[in-house]
Amino acid sequence: MSHPNSKATPTPKPLLTATYSSPANAPFALSKSIVAPVPAGPDATAAATTATTTTGSSAASAAAVDDKSRYLEALRRAVAETQDQVNRELTARMDEDNRNNSNNKARELALDEAKEEENYGEDVQDDED
């Protein structure tokens, strides 16, 4: 039984988060809140104990198992959705990196060709130390 002067503390919602950072790409963060089962208080525990001792089975215990099962199902679904989003984000960044690398290689090739044309017919020493 709760006392009139006691205040109920809200149960924080569990949060599934994923973060990514890289020196080469923009960071991203994903969050999904998950509805957690309501924790059984002392009254629920006493009721479950009474039900167990009088009936031999516990309706409160069965309800707690159902709550946990729903929570685990929601958690599993949130993890799968988060993984899908992470995969999409990382694929987009990988594609961007590949485009940047291709552009850099094309630029380097063009510079090398320009240097070769400029030095055509001359004996050029490499600038290696």
N, C-alpha and C. Protein backbone atom coordinates (compact mmCIF):
# COMPACT_ATOMS: atom_id res chain seq x y z
N MET A 1 0.84 -1.16 0.00
CA MET A 1 0.00 0.00 0.00
C MET A 1 0.89 1.23 0.00
N SER A 2 0.56 2.24 -0.81
CA SER A 2 1.39 3.44 -0.88
C SER A 2 0.94 4.44 0.16
N HIS A 3 1.87 5.23 0.61
CA HIS A 3 1.58 6.25 1.60
C HIS A 3 1.15 7.51 0.90
N PRO A 4 0.24 8.31 1.53
CA PRO A 4 -0.24 9.54 0.88
C PRO A 4 0.86 10.55 0.62
N ASN A 5 1.92 10.54 1.41
CA ASN A 5 3.00 11.52 1.22
C ASN A 5 4.07 11.05 0.26
N SER A 6 4.01 9.79 -0.18
CA SER A 6 5.04 9.30 -1.10
C SER A 6 4.69 9.69 -2.53
N LYS A 7 5.70 10.00 -3.29
CA LYS A 7 5.50 10.38 -4.69
C LYS A 7 5.98 9.25 -5.57
N ALA A 8 5.19 8.93 -6.58
CA ALA A 8 5.59 7.89 -7.53
C ALA A 8 6.69 8.44 -8.42
N THR A 9 7.74 7.70 -8.56
CA THR A 9 8.83 8.09 -9.43
C THR A 9 8.56 7.51 -10.81
N PRO A 10 8.53 8.36 -11.85
CA PRO A 10 8.27 7.81 -13.18
C PRO A 10 9.41 6.89 -13.61
N THR A 11 9.03 5.78 -14.19
CA THR A 11 10.02 4.83 -14.68
C THR A 11 10.58 5.35 -16.00
N PRO A 12 11.91 5.50 -16.11
CA PRO A 12 12.46 5.98 -17.38
C PRO A 12 12.25 4.94 -18.48
N LYS A 13 11.95 5.44 -19.68
CA LYS A 13 11.78 4.54 -20.82
C LYS A 13 13.14 4.07 -21.28
N PRO A 14 13.29 2.77 -21.46
CA PRO A 14 14.55 2.29 -22.02
C PRO A 14 14.74 2.86 -23.42
N LEU A 15 15.96 3.18 -23.75
CA LEU A 15 16.27 3.80 -25.04
C LEU A 15 17.39 3.02 -25.70
N LEU A 16 17.14 2.59 -26.92
CA LEU A 16 18.16 1.92 -27.73
C LEU A 16 18.81 3.00 -28.59
N THR A 17 20.11 3.17 -28.47
CA THR A 17 20.80 4.21 -29.25
C THR A 17 21.99 3.62 -30.00
N ALA A 18 22.26 4.21 -31.14
CA ALA A 18 23.44 3.86 -31.93
C ALA A 18 24.03 5.18 -32.43
N THR A 19 25.33 5.32 -32.29
CA THR A 19 26.00 6.53 -32.77
C THR A 19 27.17 6.16 -33.65
N TYR A 20 27.46 7.04 -34.60
CA TYR A 20 28.57 6.82 -35.54
C TYR A 20 29.31 8.13 -35.71
N SER A 21 30.62 8.05 -35.67
CA SER A 21 31.42 9.23 -36.00
C SER A 21 32.66 8.76 -36.74
N SER A 22 33.10 9.63 -37.62
CA SER A 22 34.26 9.32 -38.45
C SER A 22 34.93 10.63 -38.84
N PRO A 23 36.24 10.62 -38.98
CA PRO A 23 36.90 11.85 -39.41
C PRO A 23 36.58 12.20 -40.87
N ALA A 24 36.13 11.21 -41.65
CA ALA A 24 35.90 11.44 -43.07
C ALA A 24 34.43 11.70 -43.43
N ASN A 25 33.50 11.33 -42.53
CA ASN A 25 32.08 11.44 -42.85
C ASN A 25 31.32 12.15 -41.74
N ALA A 26 30.13 12.59 -42.10
CA ALA A 26 29.26 13.22 -41.11
C ALA A 26 28.79 12.16 -40.10
N PRO A 27 28.70 12.54 -38.83
CA PRO A 27 28.23 11.58 -37.82
C PRO A 27 26.71 11.40 -37.92
N PHE A 28 26.21 10.35 -37.30
CA PHE A 28 24.78 10.19 -37.16
C PHE A 28 24.48 9.46 -35.86
N ALA A 29 23.26 9.65 -35.38
CA ALA A 29 22.82 8.98 -34.15
C ALA A 29 21.38 8.53 -34.36
N LEU A 30 21.09 7.36 -33.88
CA LEU A 30 19.74 6.81 -33.96
C LEU A 30 19.27 6.46 -32.56
N SER A 31 17.99 6.68 -32.29
CA SER A 31 17.43 6.33 -30.98
C SER A 31 16.03 5.76 -31.17
N LYS A 32 15.74 4.76 -30.40
CA LYS A 32 14.40 4.16 -30.38
C LYS A 32 14.04 3.93 -28.93
N SER A 33 12.86 4.44 -28.53
CA SER A 33 12.42 4.16 -27.16
C SER A 33 11.61 2.87 -27.18
N ILE A 34 11.70 2.17 -26.09
CA ILE A 34 11.04 0.87 -25.98
C ILE A 34 10.17 0.91 -24.73
N VAL A 35 8.96 0.45 -24.85
CA VAL A 35 8.05 0.43 -23.71
C VAL A 35 8.46 -0.75 -22.82
N ALA A 36 8.86 -0.42 -21.61
CA ALA A 36 9.29 -1.45 -20.66
C ALA A 36 8.11 -1.95 -19.85
N PRO A 37 8.18 -3.18 -19.39
CA PRO A 37 7.12 -3.66 -18.52
C PRO A 37 7.12 -2.87 -17.22
N VAL A 38 5.95 -2.68 -16.65
CA VAL A 38 5.83 -1.95 -15.40
C VAL A 38 6.41 -2.83 -14.30
N PRO A 39 7.38 -2.29 -13.55
CA PRO A 39 7.96 -3.12 -12.49
C PRO A 39 6.93 -3.41 -11.41
N ALA A 40 6.95 -4.62 -10.92
CA ALA A 40 6.01 -5.01 -9.87
C ALA A 40 6.45 -4.38 -8.56
N GLY A 41 5.51 -3.70 -7.93
CA GLY A 41 5.78 -3.10 -6.63
C GLY A 41 5.54 -4.10 -5.52
N PRO A 42 5.66 -3.67 -4.27
CA PRO A 42 5.47 -4.58 -3.15
C PRO A 42 4.04 -5.13 -3.10
N ASP A 43 3.05 -4.31 -3.48
CA ASP A 43 1.65 -4.79 -3.46
C ASP A 43 1.45 -5.91 -4.48
N ALA A 44 2.04 -5.75 -5.67
CA ALA A 44 1.89 -6.78 -6.70
C ALA A 44 2.61 -8.06 -6.29
N THR A 45 3.77 -7.91 -5.66
CA THR A 45 4.51 -9.08 -5.20
C THR A 45 3.72 -9.82 -4.13
N ALA A 46 3.12 -9.08 -3.19
CA ALA A 46 2.31 -9.70 -2.13
C ALA A 46 1.09 -10.39 -2.72
N ALA A 47 0.45 -9.74 -3.71
CA ALA A 47 -0.72 -10.33 -4.35
C ALA A 47 -0.34 -11.61 -5.09
N ALA A 48 0.81 -11.59 -5.76
CA ALA A 48 1.25 -12.78 -6.49
C ALA A 48 1.56 -13.91 -5.52
N THR A 49 2.18 -13.57 -4.39
CA THR A 49 2.49 -14.59 -3.39
C THR A 49 1.21 -15.18 -2.82
N THR A 50 0.23 -14.33 -2.53
CA THR A 50 -1.05 -14.80 -2.01
C THR A 50 -1.75 -15.68 -3.04
N ALA A 51 -1.77 -15.23 -4.31
CA ALA A 51 -2.43 -16.01 -5.35
C ALA A 51 -1.75 -17.35 -5.52
N THR A 52 -0.45 -17.37 -5.43
CA THR A 52 0.28 -18.62 -5.59
C THR A 52 -0.03 -19.58 -4.45
N THR A 53 -0.07 -19.07 -3.23
CA THR A 53 -0.32 -19.95 -2.10
C THR A 53 -1.76 -20.41 -2.03
N THR A 54 -2.71 -19.61 -2.52
CA THR A 54 -4.11 -20.02 -2.43
C THR A 54 -4.58 -20.82 -3.63
N THR A 55 -4.06 -20.50 -4.80
CA THR A 55 -4.56 -21.19 -5.99
C THR A 55 -3.58 -22.18 -6.58
N GLY A 56 -2.34 -22.08 -6.20
CA GLY A 56 -1.34 -22.98 -6.75
C GLY A 56 -0.74 -22.45 -8.03
N SER A 57 -1.30 -21.42 -8.61
CA SER A 57 -0.72 -20.78 -9.79
C SER A 57 -0.84 -19.28 -9.62
N SER A 58 -0.09 -18.56 -10.35
CA SER A 58 -0.07 -17.11 -10.16
C SER A 58 -0.45 -16.39 -11.44
N ALA A 59 -1.59 -15.71 -11.38
CA ALA A 59 -2.01 -14.90 -12.52
C ALA A 59 -1.07 -13.71 -12.67
N ALA A 60 -0.64 -13.15 -11.55
CA ALA A 60 0.28 -12.01 -11.60
C ALA A 60 1.61 -12.43 -12.20
N SER A 61 2.07 -13.62 -11.87
CA SER A 61 3.32 -14.11 -12.41
C SER A 61 3.20 -14.34 -13.92
N ALA A 62 2.07 -14.88 -14.35
CA ALA A 62 1.83 -15.08 -15.79
C ALA A 62 1.78 -13.75 -16.51
N ALA A 63 1.17 -12.75 -15.89
CA ALA A 63 1.11 -11.42 -16.51
C ALA A 63 2.51 -10.82 -16.61
N ALA A 64 3.33 -11.05 -15.60
CA ALA A 64 4.71 -10.53 -15.64
C ALA A 64 5.50 -11.19 -16.76
N VAL A 65 5.30 -12.47 -16.97
CA VAL A 65 5.97 -13.17 -18.06
C VAL A 65 5.50 -12.63 -19.40
N ASP A 66 4.19 -12.38 -19.54
CA ASP A 66 3.66 -11.80 -20.78
C ASP A 66 4.25 -10.41 -21.03
N ASP A 67 4.34 -9.61 -19.96
CA ASP A 67 4.92 -8.27 -20.10
C ASP A 67 6.37 -8.35 -20.56
N LYS A 68 7.12 -9.25 -19.97
CA LYS A 68 8.52 -9.40 -20.36
C LYS A 68 8.64 -9.89 -21.80
N SER A 69 7.76 -10.79 -22.19
CA SER A 69 7.77 -11.30 -23.57
C SER A 69 7.49 -10.19 -24.56
N ARG A 70 6.49 -9.34 -24.24
CA ARG A 70 6.18 -8.20 -25.13
C ARG A 70 7.35 -7.24 -25.19
N TYR A 71 7.98 -7.01 -24.05
CA TYR A 71 9.14 -6.12 -24.00
C TYR A 71 10.29 -6.67 -24.86
N LEU A 72 10.58 -7.95 -24.72
CA LEU A 72 11.66 -8.55 -25.50
C LEU A 72 11.35 -8.55 -26.99
N GLU A 73 10.08 -8.73 -27.33
CA GLU A 73 9.68 -8.66 -28.74
C GLU A 73 9.89 -7.25 -29.28
N ALA A 74 9.49 -6.24 -28.49
CA ALA A 74 9.68 -4.85 -28.91
C ALA A 74 11.17 -4.52 -29.02
N LEU A 75 11.96 -5.03 -28.09
CA LEU A 75 13.40 -4.80 -28.13
C LEU A 75 14.01 -5.45 -29.37
N ARG A 76 13.62 -6.67 -29.66
CA ARG A 76 14.13 -7.38 -30.84
C ARG A 76 13.77 -6.60 -32.12
N ARG A 77 12.54 -6.12 -32.19
CA ARG A 77 12.09 -5.36 -33.36
C ARG A 77 12.88 -4.05 -33.47
N ALA A 78 13.09 -3.36 -32.34
CA ALA A 78 13.84 -2.10 -32.35
C ALA A 78 15.29 -2.32 -32.78
N VAL A 79 15.89 -3.42 -32.33
CA VAL A 79 17.28 -3.72 -32.72
C VAL A 79 17.35 -3.98 -34.22
N ALA A 80 16.40 -4.74 -34.76
CA ALA A 80 16.40 -5.04 -36.20
C ALA A 80 16.20 -3.76 -37.02
N GLU A 81 15.27 -2.90 -36.59
CA GLU A 81 15.04 -1.64 -37.31
C GLU A 81 16.27 -0.74 -37.23
N THR A 82 16.89 -0.69 -36.07
CA THR A 82 18.10 0.14 -35.91
C THR A 82 19.22 -0.39 -36.79
N GLN A 83 19.39 -1.70 -36.83
CA GLN A 83 20.43 -2.30 -37.67
C GLN A 83 20.19 -1.96 -39.15
N ASP A 84 18.93 -2.01 -39.58
CA ASP A 84 18.61 -1.65 -40.97
C ASP A 84 18.98 -0.19 -41.25
N GLN A 85 18.65 0.70 -40.32
CA GLN A 85 18.99 2.11 -40.51
C GLN A 85 20.51 2.33 -40.51
N VAL A 86 21.20 1.67 -39.62
CA VAL A 86 22.66 1.78 -39.57
C VAL A 86 23.25 1.31 -40.90
N ASN A 87 22.77 0.18 -41.40
CA ASN A 87 23.27 -0.34 -42.68
C ASN A 87 23.04 0.65 -43.81
N ARG A 88 21.86 1.27 -43.87
CA ARG A 88 21.58 2.26 -44.92
C ARG A 88 22.52 3.46 -44.80
N GLU A 89 22.71 3.95 -43.58
CA GLU A 89 23.59 5.10 -43.36
C GLU A 89 25.03 4.78 -43.75
N LEU A 90 25.51 3.62 -43.33
CA LEU A 90 26.90 3.25 -43.65
C LEU A 90 27.09 3.00 -45.13
N THR A 91 26.09 2.42 -45.79
CA THR A 91 26.17 2.20 -47.23
C THR A 91 26.25 3.54 -47.96
N ALA A 92 25.45 4.51 -47.52
CA ALA A 92 25.48 5.84 -48.15
C ALA A 92 26.86 6.48 -47.97
N ARG A 93 27.44 6.33 -46.79
CA ARG A 93 28.77 6.90 -46.55
C ARG A 93 29.85 6.18 -47.36
N MET A 94 29.71 4.87 -47.50
CA MET A 94 30.67 4.11 -48.29
C MET A 94 30.58 4.53 -49.76
N ASP A 95 29.36 4.72 -50.27
CA ASP A 95 29.19 5.18 -51.65
C ASP A 95 29.81 6.56 -51.84
N GLU A 96 29.62 7.43 -50.85
CA GLU A 96 30.21 8.78 -50.91
C GLU A 96 31.74 8.69 -50.92
N ASP A 97 32.29 7.84 -50.06
CA ASP A 97 33.75 7.66 -50.04
C ASP A 97 34.26 7.14 -51.38
N ASN A 98 33.55 6.19 -51.96
CA ASN A 98 33.97 5.64 -53.26
C ASN A 98 33.92 6.71 -54.35
N ARG A 99 32.89 7.56 -54.34
CA ARG A 99 32.81 8.65 -55.32
C ARG A 99 33.98 9.62 -55.13
N ASN A 100 34.25 9.95 -53.86
CA ASN A 100 35.36 10.87 -53.59
C ASN A 100 36.69 10.28 -54.03
N ASN A 101 36.89 9.00 -53.75
CA ASN A 101 38.14 8.34 -54.17
C ASN A 101 38.27 8.30 -55.68
N SER A 102 37.17 8.05 -56.38
CA SER A 102 37.20 8.04 -57.85
C SER A 102 37.54 9.42 -58.39
N ASN A 103 36.94 10.45 -57.82
CA ASN A 103 37.22 11.82 -58.25
C ASN A 103 38.68 12.17 -58.00
N ASN A 104 39.21 11.77 -56.85
CA ASN A 104 40.62 12.06 -56.54
C ASN A 104 41.55 11.33 -57.50
N LYS A 105 41.26 10.08 -57.80
CA LYS A 105 42.10 9.33 -58.73
C LYS A 105 42.06 9.93 -60.13
N ALA A 106 40.87 10.37 -60.55
CA ALA A 106 40.75 11.00 -61.88
C ALA A 106 41.55 12.29 -61.92
N ARG A 107 41.51 13.08 -60.84
CA ARG A 107 42.27 14.32 -60.77
C ARG A 107 43.78 14.04 -60.83
N GLU A 108 44.22 13.01 -60.06
CA GLU A 108 45.64 12.65 -60.06
C GLU A 108 46.09 12.19 -61.45
N LEU A 109 45.26 11.41 -62.11
CA LEU A 109 45.58 10.93 -63.44
C LEU A 109 45.69 12.10 -64.42
N ALA A 110 44.77 13.05 -64.33
CA ALA A 110 44.81 14.21 -65.22
C ALA A 110 46.07 15.03 -64.97
N LEU A 111 46.47 15.19 -63.70
CA LEU A 111 47.69 15.93 -63.39
C LEU A 111 48.91 15.21 -63.92
N ASP A 112 48.95 13.89 -63.78
CA ASP A 112 50.08 13.11 -64.30
C ASP A 112 50.18 13.23 -65.81
N GLU A 113 49.03 13.18 -66.49
CA GLU A 113 49.03 13.31 -67.96
C GLU A 113 49.48 14.69 -68.38
N ALA A 114 49.04 15.72 -67.65
CA ALA A 114 49.44 17.09 -67.98
C ALA A 114 50.95 17.25 -67.78
N LYS A 115 51.48 16.65 -66.72
CA LYS A 115 52.92 16.73 -66.45
C LYS A 115 53.71 16.02 -67.54
N GLU A 116 53.20 14.87 -67.98
CA GLU A 116 53.88 14.12 -69.05
C GLU A 116 53.91 14.92 -70.35
N GLU A 117 52.79 15.56 -70.68
CA GLU A 117 52.75 16.37 -71.91
C GLU A 117 53.71 17.54 -71.83
N GLU A 118 53.75 18.16 -70.64
CA GLU A 118 54.62 19.31 -70.45
C GLU A 118 56.09 18.92 -70.61
N ASN A 119 56.42 17.73 -70.18
CA ASN A 119 57.81 17.28 -70.22
C ASN A 119 58.09 16.35 -71.40
N TYR A 120 57.24 16.33 -72.39
CA TYR A 120 57.40 15.42 -73.54
C TYR A 120 58.72 15.71 -74.25
N GLY A 121 59.49 14.67 -74.42
CA GLY A 121 60.75 14.79 -75.15
C GLY A 121 61.92 15.22 -74.29
N GLU A 122 61.68 15.53 -73.02
CA GLU A 122 62.77 15.96 -72.15
C GLU A 122 63.10 14.83 -71.19
N ASP A 123 64.35 14.82 -70.77
CA ASP A 123 64.79 13.81 -69.79
C ASP A 123 64.57 14.43 -68.41
N VAL A 124 63.55 13.92 -67.67
CA VAL A 124 63.18 14.51 -66.39
C VAL A 124 63.57 13.57 -65.26
N GLN A 125 64.21 14.14 -64.25
CA GLN A 125 64.55 13.38 -63.05
C GLN A 125 63.39 13.46 -62.06
N ASP A 126 63.07 12.32 -61.41
CA ASP A 126 62.02 12.33 -60.39
C ASP A 126 62.50 13.11 -59.18
N ASP A 127 61.56 13.68 -58.44
CA ASP A 127 61.87 14.47 -57.25
C ASP A 127 61.89 13.60 -56.01
N GLU A 128 62.40 12.42 -56.11
CA GLU A 128 62.42 11.54 -54.93
C GLU A 128 63.70 11.77 -54.16
N ASP A 129 63.58 11.87 -52.85
CA ASP A 129 64.76 12.06 -51.99
C ASP A 129 65.16 10.77 -51.34
